[in-house]
All heavy atoms as atom14 arrays in JSON, in Angstrom:
{
  "sequence": "FHGRYDDGEMIFGLDVSIHAWNIVGKHKWIR",
  "atom14_mask": [
    [1, 1, 1, 1, 1, 1, 1, 1, 1, 1, 1, 0, 0, 0],
    [1, 1, 1, 1, 1, 1, 1, 1, 1, 1, 0, 0, 0, 0],
    [1, 1, 1, 1, 0, 0, 0, 0, 0, 0, 0, 0, 0, 0],
    [1, 1, 1, 1, 1, 1, 1, 1, 1, 1, 1, 0, 0, 0],
    [1, 1, 1, 1, 1, 1, 1, 1, 1, 1, 1, 1, 0, 0],
    [1, 1, 1, 1, 1, 1, 1, 1, 0, 0, 0, 0, 0, 0],
    [1, 1, 1, 1, 1, 1, 1, 1, 0, 0, 0, 0, 0, 0],
    [1, 1, 1, 1, 0, 0, 0, 0, 0, 0, 0, 0, 0, 0],
    [1, 1, 1, 1, 1, 1, 1, 1, 1, 0, 0, 0, 0, 0],
    [1, 1, 1, 1, 1, 1, 1, 1, 0, 0, 0, 0, 0, 0],
    [1, 1, 1, 1, 1, 1, 1, 1, 0, 0, 0, 0, 0, 0],
    [1, 1, 1, 1, 1, 1, 1, 1, 1, 1, 1, 0, 0, 0],
    [1, 1, 1, 1, 0, 0, 0, 0, 0, 0, 0, 0, 0, 0],
    [1, 1, 1, 1, 1, 1, 1, 1, 0, 0, 0, 0, 0, 0],
    [1, 1, 1, 1, 1, 1, 1, 1, 0, 0, 0, 0, 0, 0],
    [1, 1, 1, 1, 1, 1, 1, 0, 0, 0, 0, 0, 0, 0],
    [1, 1, 1, 1, 1, 1, 0, 0, 0, 0, 0, 0, 0, 0],
    [1, 1, 1, 1, 1, 1, 1, 1, 0, 0, 0, 0, 0, 0],
    [1, 1, 1, 1, 1, 1, 1, 1, 1, 1, 0, 0, 0, 0],
    [1, 1, 1, 1, 1, 0, 0, 0, 0, 0, 0, 0, 0, 0],
    [1, 1, 1, 1, 1, 1, 1, 1, 1, 1, 1, 1, 1, 1],
    [1, 1, 1, 1, 1, 1, 1, 1, 0, 0, 0, 0, 0, 0],
    [1, 1, 1, 1, 1, 1, 1, 1, 0, 0, 0, 0, 0, 0],
    [1, 1, 1, 1, 1, 1, 1, 0, 0, 0, 0, 0, 0, 0],
    [1, 1, 1, 1, 0, 0, 0, 0, 0, 0, 0, 0, 0, 0],
    [1, 1, 1, 1, 1, 1, 1, 1, 1, 0, 0, 0, 0, 0],
    [1, 1, 1, 1, 1, 1, 1, 1, 1, 1, 0, 0, 0, 0],
    [1, 1, 1, 1, 1, 1, 1, 1, 1, 0, 0, 0, 0, 0],
    [1, 1, 1, 1, 1, 1, 1, 1, 1, 1, 1, 1, 1, 1],
    [1, 1, 1, 1, 1, 1, 1, 1, 0, 0, 0, 0, 0, 0],
    [1, 1, 1, 1, 1, 1, 1, 1, 1, 1, 1, 0, 0, 0]
  ],
  "atom14_positions": [
    [[82.35, 104.43, 111.63], [82.21, 103.03, 111.2], [83.57, 102.52, 110.79], [84.4, 103.12, 110.12], [81.24, 103.07, 110.0], [80.69, 101.74, 109.55], [80.75, 100.65, 110.33], [80.01, 101.63, 108.31], [80.11, 99.44, 110.01], [79.44, 100.53, 107.91], [79.51, 99.33, 108.76], [0.0, 0.0, 0.0], [0.0, 0.0, 0.0], [0.0, 0.0, 0.0]],
    [[83.88, 101.27, 111.33], [85.11, 100.65, 110.99], [84.88, 99.35, 110.2], [84.0, 98.7, 110.51], [85.9, 100.19, 112.28], [86.58, 101.38, 112.97], [86.01, 102.58, 113.27], [87.81, 101.36, 113.58], [86.88, 103.28, 114.0], [87.98, 102.61, 114.18], [0.0, 0.0, 0.0], [0.0, 0.0, 0.0], [0.0, 0.0, 0.0], [0.0, 0.0, 0.0]],
    [[85.83, 99.05, 109.3], [85.79, 97.8, 108.61], [87.22, 97.32, 108.4], [88.17, 98.1, 108.37], [0.0, 0.0, 0.0], [0.0, 0.0, 0.0], [0.0, 0.0, 0.0], [0.0, 0.0, 0.0], [0.0, 0.0, 0.0], [0.0, 0.0, 0.0], [0.0, 0.0, 0.0], [0.0, 0.0, 0.0], [0.0, 0.0, 0.0], [0.0, 0.0, 0.0]],
    [[87.39, 96.03, 108.36], [88.74, 95.47, 108.19], [88.7, 94.21, 107.24], [87.89, 93.35, 107.44], [89.33, 94.97, 109.5], [90.76, 94.4, 109.35], [91.44, 94.1, 110.58], [90.68, 93.25, 111.46], [90.84, 93.15, 112.8], [91.71, 93.9, 113.42], [90.15, 92.36, 113.52], [0.0, 0.0, 0.0], [0.0, 0.0, 0.0], [0.0, 0.0, 0.0]],
    [[89.45, 94.33, 106.21], [89.64, 93.13, 105.36], [90.44, 92.06, 106.01], [91.2, 92.41, 106.87], [90.24, 93.57, 103.96], [89.26, 94.27, 103.07], [89.2, 95.6, 102.91], [88.35, 93.46, 102.39], [88.29, 96.19, 102.01], [87.4, 94.06, 101.41], [87.36, 95.43, 101.28], [86.42, 96.0, 100.5], [0.0, 0.0, 0.0], [0.0, 0.0, 0.0]],
    [[90.27, 90.82, 105.48], [90.98, 89.71, 106.12], [92.55, 89.81, 105.99], [93.27, 89.17, 106.69], [90.49, 88.41, 105.69], [90.54, 88.2, 104.17], [91.03, 89.01, 103.49], [89.98, 87.17, 103.73], [0.0, 0.0, 0.0], [0.0, 0.0, 0.0], [0.0, 0.0, 0.0], [0.0, 0.0, 0.0], [0.0, 0.0, 0.0], [0.0, 0.0, 0.0]],
    [[92.98, 90.77, 105.16], [94.5, 90.93, 105.02], [94.96, 92.07, 106.01], [96.16, 92.39, 105.98], [94.81, 91.31, 103.61], [94.29, 92.71, 103.09], [93.65, 93.37, 103.95], [94.59, 93.03, 102.06], [0.0, 0.0, 0.0], [0.0, 0.0, 0.0], [0.0, 0.0, 0.0], [0.0, 0.0, 0.0], [0.0, 0.0, 0.0], [0.0, 0.0, 0.0]],
    [[94.02, 92.55, 106.82], [94.36, 93.55, 107.84], [94.11, 95.02, 107.43], [94.2, 95.93, 108.24], [0.0, 0.0, 0.0], [0.0, 0.0, 0.0], [0.0, 0.0, 0.0], [0.0, 0.0, 0.0], [0.0, 0.0, 0.0], [0.0, 0.0, 0.0], [0.0, 0.0, 0.0], [0.0, 0.0, 0.0], [0.0, 0.0, 0.0], [0.0, 0.0, 0.0]],
    [[93.86, 95.25, 106.17], [93.49, 96.63, 105.74], [92.29, 97.12, 106.39], [91.24, 96.55, 106.36], [93.34, 96.61, 104.16], [93.06, 97.99, 103.72], [92.6, 98.06, 102.21], [92.57, 97.0, 101.53], [92.23, 99.15, 101.75], [0.0, 0.0, 0.0], [0.0, 0.0, 0.0], [0.0, 0.0, 0.0], [0.0, 0.0, 0.0], [0.0, 0.0, 0.0]],
    [[92.44, 98.36, 107.01], [91.33, 98.98, 107.67], [90.76, 100.05, 106.72], [91.44, 100.68, 105.98], [91.78, 99.73, 108.94], [92.23, 98.75, 110.02], [90.98, 97.69, 110.71], [89.85, 98.91, 111.36], [0.0, 0.0, 0.0], [0.0, 0.0, 0.0], [0.0, 0.0, 0.0], [0.0, 0.0, 0.0], [0.0, 0.0, 0.0], [0.0, 0.0, 0.0]],
    [[89.39, 100.17, 106.77], [88.73, 101.31, 106.11], [87.69, 101.88, 107.12], [87.37, 101.2, 108.08], [88.05, 100.76, 104.8], [87.06, 99.65, 105.05], [89.01, 100.45, 103.78], [86.26, 99.19, 103.83], [0.0, 0.0, 0.0], [0.0, 0.0, 0.0], [0.0, 0.0, 0.0], [0.0, 0.0, 0.0], [0.0, 0.0, 0.0], [0.0, 0.0, 0.0]],
    [[87.34, 103.11, 106.88], [86.53, 103.78, 107.86], [85.47, 104.67, 107.16], [85.51, 105.04, 106.08], [87.48, 104.75, 108.61], [88.62, 104.09, 109.32], [89.87, 104.02, 108.61], [88.45, 103.48, 110.54], [90.93, 103.38, 109.23], [89.55, 102.88, 111.1], [90.78, 102.81, 110.5], [0.0, 0.0, 0.0], [0.0, 0.0, 0.0], [0.0, 0.0, 0.0]],
    [[84.43, 104.92, 108.06], [83.35, 105.77, 107.69], [82.54, 105.32, 106.55], [82.22, 104.08, 106.37], [0.0, 0.0, 0.0], [0.0, 0.0, 0.0], [0.0, 0.0, 0.0], [0.0, 0.0, 0.0], [0.0, 0.0, 0.0], [0.0, 0.0, 0.0], [0.0, 0.0, 0.0], [0.0, 0.0, 0.0], [0.0, 0.0, 0.0], [0.0, 0.0, 0.0]],
    [[82.13, 106.2, 105.7], [81.23, 105.89, 104.53], [81.95, 104.85, 103.59], [81.25, 104.14, 102.91], [80.95, 107.22, 103.79], [79.82, 107.08, 102.73], [78.59, 106.52, 103.26], [79.54, 108.49, 102.17], [0.0, 0.0, 0.0], [0.0, 0.0, 0.0], [0.0, 0.0, 0.0], [0.0, 0.0, 0.0], [0.0, 0.0, 0.0], [0.0, 0.0, 0.0]],
    [[83.3, 104.84, 103.57], [83.97, 103.89, 102.69], [83.63, 102.46, 103.09], [83.55, 101.62, 102.18], [85.52, 104.13, 102.8], [85.96, 105.31, 102.09], [85.3, 105.73, 101.14], [87.03, 105.83, 102.41], [0.0, 0.0, 0.0], [0.0, 0.0, 0.0], [0.0, 0.0, 0.0], [0.0, 0.0, 0.0], [0.0, 0.0, 0.0], [0.0, 0.0, 0.0]],
    [[83.33, 102.23, 104.39], [82.98, 100.86, 104.8], [81.62, 100.44, 104.16], [81.45, 99.38, 103.56], [82.93, 100.73, 106.34], [82.54, 99.33, 106.76], [84.18, 101.16, 106.99], [0.0, 0.0, 0.0], [0.0, 0.0, 0.0], [0.0, 0.0, 0.0], [0.0, 0.0, 0.0], [0.0, 0.0, 0.0], [0.0, 0.0, 0.0], [0.0, 0.0, 0.0]],
    [[80.64, 101.37, 104.23], [79.42, 101.06, 103.63], [79.53, 100.86, 102.14], [78.86, 99.89, 101.53], [78.38, 102.2, 103.89], [78.0, 102.2, 105.24], [0.0, 0.0, 0.0], [0.0, 0.0, 0.0], [0.0, 0.0, 0.0], [0.0, 0.0, 0.0], [0.0, 0.0, 0.0], [0.0, 0.0, 0.0], [0.0, 0.0, 0.0], [0.0, 0.0, 0.0]],
    [[80.24, 101.73, 101.47], [80.38, 101.6, 100.03], [81.02, 100.26, 99.62], [80.59, 99.63, 98.73], [81.13, 102.81, 99.44], [80.29, 104.08, 99.59], [81.59, 102.59, 98.0], [80.98, 105.38, 99.36], [0.0, 0.0, 0.0], [0.0, 0.0, 0.0], [0.0, 0.0, 0.0], [0.0, 0.0, 0.0], [0.0, 0.0, 0.0], [0.0, 0.0, 0.0]],
    [[82.12, 99.92, 100.27], [82.73, 98.69, 100.03], [81.81, 97.52, 100.32], [81.77, 96.52, 99.46], [84.02, 98.45, 100.91], [85.17, 99.25, 100.41], [86.38, 98.75, 100.15], [85.33, 100.63, 100.19], [87.26, 99.68, 99.72], [86.62, 100.77, 99.72], [0.0, 0.0, 0.0], [0.0, 0.0, 0.0], [0.0, 0.0, 0.0], [0.0, 0.0, 0.0]],
    [[81.09, 97.53, 101.4], [80.2, 96.4, 101.75], [79.08, 96.3, 100.68], [78.78, 95.13, 100.32], [79.57, 96.63, 103.16], [0.0, 0.0, 0.0], [0.0, 0.0, 0.0], [0.0, 0.0, 0.0], [0.0, 0.0, 0.0], [0.0, 0.0, 0.0], [0.0, 0.0, 0.0], [0.0, 0.0, 0.0], [0.0, 0.0, 0.0], [0.0, 0.0, 0.0]],
    [[78.48, 97.36, 100.35], [77.32, 97.33, 99.31], [77.96, 96.83, 97.97], [77.25, 96.12, 97.24], [76.6, 98.64, 99.23], [75.69, 98.85, 100.34], [75.82, 99.7, 101.42], [74.5, 98.02, 100.64], [74.77, 99.53, 102.3], [73.92, 98.59, 101.79], [73.85, 97.0, 99.96], [72.85, 98.08, 102.36], [72.61, 96.51, 100.45], [72.14, 97.05, 101.65]],
    [[79.14, 97.22, 97.61], [79.74, 96.78, 96.36], [79.99, 95.26, 96.43], [79.75, 94.6, 95.48], [81.03, 97.5, 96.14], [81.67, 97.26, 94.82], [80.99, 97.37, 93.77], [82.96, 96.8, 94.78], [0.0, 0.0, 0.0], [0.0, 0.0, 0.0], [0.0, 0.0, 0.0], [0.0, 0.0, 0.0], [0.0, 0.0, 0.0], [0.0, 0.0, 0.0]],
    [[80.4, 94.71, 97.55], [80.66, 93.3, 97.72], [79.35, 92.55, 97.51], [79.44, 91.46, 96.84], [81.28, 93.0, 99.14], [82.65, 93.53, 99.19], [81.16, 91.49, 99.51], [83.29, 93.43, 100.59], [0.0, 0.0, 0.0], [0.0, 0.0, 0.0], [0.0, 0.0, 0.0], [0.0, 0.0, 0.0], [0.0, 0.0, 0.0], [0.0, 0.0, 0.0]],
    [[78.24, 93.03, 97.98], [77.0, 92.28, 97.8], [76.34, 92.59, 96.42], [75.29, 92.03, 96.13], [75.99, 92.43, 98.93], [76.63, 91.91, 100.26], [75.52, 93.87, 99.06], [0.0, 0.0, 0.0], [0.0, 0.0, 0.0], [0.0, 0.0, 0.0], [0.0, 0.0, 0.0], [0.0, 0.0, 0.0], [0.0, 0.0, 0.0], [0.0, 0.0, 0.0]],
    [[76.96, 93.47, 95.7], [76.45, 93.82, 94.39], [75.19, 94.73, 94.33], [74.5, 94.67, 93.34], [0.0, 0.0, 0.0], [0.0, 0.0, 0.0], [0.0, 0.0, 0.0], [0.0, 0.0, 0.0], [0.0, 0.0, 0.0], [0.0, 0.0, 0.0], [0.0, 0.0, 0.0], [0.0, 0.0, 0.0], [0.0, 0.0, 0.0], [0.0, 0.0, 0.0]],
    [[75.02, 95.51, 95.32], [73.8, 96.36, 95.48], [74.19, 97.8, 95.67], [75.28, 98.11, 96.16], [72.9, 95.9, 96.57], [72.35, 94.52, 96.4], [71.32, 94.54, 95.27], [70.81, 93.15, 95.04], [69.95, 93.13, 93.84], [0.0, 0.0, 0.0], [0.0, 0.0, 0.0], [0.0, 0.0, 0.0], [0.0, 0.0, 0.0], [0.0, 0.0, 0.0]],
    [[73.25, 98.7, 95.38], [73.44, 100.15, 95.61], [74.68, 100.69, 95.03], [75.4, 101.5, 95.7], [73.31, 100.43, 97.1], [72.05, 100.07, 97.76], [70.84, 100.35, 97.29], [71.83, 99.32, 98.84], [69.91, 99.89, 97.96], [70.43, 99.15, 98.92], [0.0, 0.0, 0.0], [0.0, 0.0, 0.0], [0.0, 0.0, 0.0], [0.0, 0.0, 0.0]],
    [[74.97, 100.39, 93.77], [76.19, 100.82, 93.12], [76.22, 102.39, 93.02], [77.25, 102.94, 92.95], [76.33, 100.13, 91.66], [76.61, 98.66, 91.85], [76.94, 98.06, 90.56], [77.09, 96.57, 90.7], [78.08, 96.05, 91.54], [0.0, 0.0, 0.0], [0.0, 0.0, 0.0], [0.0, 0.0, 0.0], [0.0, 0.0, 0.0], [0.0, 0.0, 0.0]],
    [[75.04, 102.99, 93.01], [74.95, 104.47, 92.88], [75.63, 105.13, 94.08], [76.05, 106.27, 93.93], [73.51, 104.84, 92.88], [72.73, 104.39, 94.03], [71.96, 103.26, 94.11], [72.64, 105.04, 95.31], [71.46, 103.16, 95.46], [71.79, 104.26, 96.16], [73.1, 106.24, 95.81], [71.45, 104.66, 97.47], [72.82, 106.63, 97.11], [72.08, 105.78, 97.93]],
    [[75.75, 104.49, 95.19], [76.35, 105.04, 96.43], [77.73, 105.54, 96.18], [78.28, 106.38, 96.9], [76.18, 104.07, 97.62], [76.31, 104.85, 98.89], [77.15, 103.03, 97.61], [75.95, 103.95, 100.12], [0.0, 0.0, 0.0], [0.0, 0.0, 0.0], [0.0, 0.0, 0.0], [0.0, 0.0, 0.0], [0.0, 0.0, 0.0], [0.0, 0.0, 0.0]],
    [[78.43, 104.9, 95.23], [79.79, 105.33, 94.95], [80.0, 106.81, 94.49], [81.0, 107.3, 94.69], [80.41, 104.46, 93.73], [80.67, 103.1, 94.08], [81.26, 102.22, 92.99], [80.75, 100.98, 92.98], [80.64, 100.19, 91.85], [80.88, 100.77, 90.63], [80.09, 99.03, 91.92], [0.0, 0.0, 0.0], [0.0, 0.0, 0.0], [0.0, 0.0, 0.0]]
  ]
}
């Protein structure tokens, strides 16, 4: 799994899911 912030920073794997769920304010336990 790949993710990219609008500043160009890339994140990968489970970190993408964790960042995404954090952004929407859900599933904080996943951290």
